Amino acid sequence: MTAPFLSLTQILNRLALTARTILRHHRAGPDGQCRACRVPGCSVATAARDVLHTVEEIQQRDTATERTAPDPDGPQQTR
């Protein structure tokens, strides 16, 4: 599926999966350097951690808030 047909949750899940894959490849070795980049402070791994943190924060914020008023753009209920 392409992005226009995905929900926000599906897009966030794909971002999280991609970030986790990046972290698996860019983890520090025994010498403290990234195994892919060979640098001590891997900016790619830092960016992936930031993405995971943001995705988790958005998901927690979305589940913590409840809608009190009906969404005017949402489907209308007919009786």
C-alpha atoms as a PDB file:
ATOM      1  CA  MET A   1       0.000   0.000   0.000  1.00  0.00           C
ATOM      2  CA  THR A   2       1.057   3.544  -0.571  1.00  0.00           C
ATOM      3  CA  ALA A   3       1.016   6.312   1.982  1.00  0.00           C
ATOM      4  CA  PRO A   4      -2.242   8.063   0.985  1.00  0.00           C
ATOM      5  CA  PHE A   5      -4.145   4.898   1.851  1.00  0.00           C
ATOM      6  CA  LEU A   6      -2.485   4.299   5.229  1.00  0.00           C
ATOM      7  CA  SER A   7      -3.791   5.475   8.574  1.00  0.00           C
ATOM      8  CA  LEU A   8      -1.638   7.527  10.920  1.00  0.00           C
ATOM      9  CA  THR A   9      -1.127   4.455  13.112  1.00  0.00           C
ATOM     10  CA  GLN A  10       0.126   2.405  10.160  1.00  0.00           C
ATOM     11  CA  ILE A  11       2.549   5.148   9.136  1.00  0.00           C
ATOM     12  CA  LEU A  12       3.863   5.445  12.703  1.00  0.00           C
ATOM     13  CA  ASN A  13       4.314   1.666  12.887  1.00  0.00           C
ATOM     14  CA  ARG A  14       6.316   1.664   9.657  1.00  0.00           C
ATOM     15  CA  LEU A  15       8.504   4.490  10.935  1.00  0.00           C
ATOM     16  CA  ALA A  16       9.141   2.569  14.164  1.00  0.00           C
ATOM     17  CA  LEU A  17      10.021  -0.628  12.294  1.00  0.00           C
ATOM     18  CA  THR A  18      12.433   1.258  10.055  1.00  0.00           C
ATOM     19  CA  ALA A  19      14.071   2.975  13.033  1.00  0.00           C
ATOM     20  CA  ARG A  20      14.504  -0.354  14.842  1.00  0.00           C
ATOM     21  CA  THR A  21      16.107  -1.888  11.745  1.00  0.00           C
ATOM     22  CA  ILE A  22      18.518   1.042  11.519  1.00  0.00           C
ATOM     23  CA  LEU A  23      19.407   0.656  15.200  1.00  0.00           C
ATOM     24  CA  ARG A  24      20.190  -3.030  14.657  1.00  0.00           C
ATOM     25  CA  HIS A  25      22.685  -2.147  11.914  1.00  0.00           C
ATOM     26  CA  HIS A  26      24.164   0.899  13.634  1.00  0.00           C
ATOM     27  CA  ARG A  27      24.767  -0.457  17.125  1.00  0.00           C
ATOM     28  CA  ALA A  28      28.009   0.066  18.969  1.00  0.00           C
ATOM     29  CA  GLY A  29      30.621  -2.657  18.910  1.00  0.00           C
ATOM     30  CA  PRO A  30      32.917  -3.707  21.751  1.00  0.00           C
ATOM     31  CA  ASP A  31      35.187  -0.738  21.033  1.00  0.00           C
ATOM     32  CA  GLY A  32      32.266   1.728  21.378  1.00  0.00           C
ATOM     33  CA  GLN A  33      32.172   2.608  17.691  1.00  0.00           C
ATOM     34  CA  CYS A  34      29.246   2.105  15.339  1.00  0.00           C
ATOM     35  CA  ARG A  35      29.681  -1.115  13.369  1.00  0.00           C
ATOM     36  CA  ALA A  36      28.446   0.454  10.121  1.00  0.00           C
ATOM     37  CA  CYS A  37      29.871   3.999  10.339  1.00  0.00           C
ATOM     38  CA  ARG A  38      32.953   3.279  12.476  1.00  0.00           C
ATOM     39  CA  VAL A  39      32.467   6.454  14.524  1.00  0.00           C
ATOM     40  CA  PRO A  40      31.930   6.703  18.283  1.00  0.00           C
ATOM     41  CA  GLY A  41      28.817   8.946  18.141  1.00  0.00           C
ATOM     42  CA  CYS A  42      26.731   7.626  15.264  1.00  0.00           C
ATOM     43  CA  SER A  43      24.354  10.347  14.076  1.00  0.00           C
ATOM     44  CA  VAL A  44      22.238   7.788  12.186  1.00  0.00           C
ATOM     45  CA  ALA A  45      21.563   5.827  15.377  1.00  0.00           C
ATOM     46  CA  THR A  46      20.805   9.053  17.228  1.00  0.00           C
ATOM     47  CA  ALA A  47      18.260  10.052  14.578  1.00  0.00           C
ATOM     48  CA  ALA A  48      16.644   6.591  14.732  1.00  0.00           C
ATOM     49  CA  ARG A  49      16.373   6.856  18.531  1.00  0.00           C
ATOM     50  CA  ASP A  50      14.763  10.290  18.141  1.00  0.00           C
ATOM     51  CA  VAL A  51      12.222   8.864  15.686  1.00  0.00           C
ATOM     52  CA  LEU A  52      11.347   6.027  18.078  1.00  0.00           C
ATOM     53  CA  HIS A  53      10.992   8.455  20.964  1.00  0.00           C
ATOM     54  CA  THR A  54       8.698  10.706  18.913  1.00  0.00           C
ATOM     55  CA  VAL A  55       6.552   7.808  17.677  1.00  0.00           C
ATOM     56  CA  GLU A  56       6.113   6.503  21.225  1.00  0.00           C
ATOM     57  CA  GLU A  57       5.256   9.990  22.465  1.00  0.00           C
ATOM     58  CA  ILE A  58       2.620  10.459  19.746  1.00  0.00           C
ATOM     59  CA  GLN A  59       1.070   7.058  20.433  1.00  0.00           C
ATOM     60  CA  GLN A  60       0.918   7.736  24.183  1.00  0.00           C
ATOM     61  CA  ARG A  61      -0.591  11.167  23.632  1.00  0.00           C
ATOM     62  CA  ASP A  62      -3.185   9.749  21.216  1.00  0.00           C
ATOM     63  CA  THR A  63      -4.323   7.039  23.636  1.00  0.00           C
ATOM     64  CA  ALA A  64      -4.315   9.371  26.649  1.00  0.00           C
ATOM     65  CA  THR A  65      -6.752  11.884  25.192  1.00  0.00           C
ATOM     66  CA  GLU A  66     -10.398  11.187  24.631  1.00  0.00           C
ATOM     67  CA  ARG A  67     -12.593  13.147  22.325  1.00  0.00           C
ATOM     68  CA  THR A  68     -15.315  14.967  24.197  1.00  0.00           C
ATOM     69  CA  ALA A  69     -17.078  16.510  21.228  1.00  0.00           C
ATOM     70  CA  PRO A  70     -17.897  14.695  17.991  1.00  0.00           C
ATOM     71  CA  ASP A  71     -15.541  15.355  15.119  1.00  0.00           C
ATOM     72  CA  PRO A  72     -17.295  17.641  12.607  1.00  0.00           C
ATOM     73  CA  ASP A  73     -15.364  16.022   9.753  1.00  0.00           C
ATOM     74  CA  GLY A  74     -16.178  12.491  10.884  1.00  0.00           C
ATOM     75  CA  PRO A  75     -19.012  10.347   9.608  1.00  0.00           C
ATOM     76  CA  GLN A  76     -22.463  11.516  10.649  1.00  0.00           C
ATOM     77  CA  GLN A  77     -24.788   9.119  12.427  1.00  0.00           C
ATOM     78  CA  THR A  78     -28.287   8.875  11.014  1.00  0.00           C
ATOM     79  CA  ARG A  79     -31.267   7.615  12.962  1.00  0.00           C
END
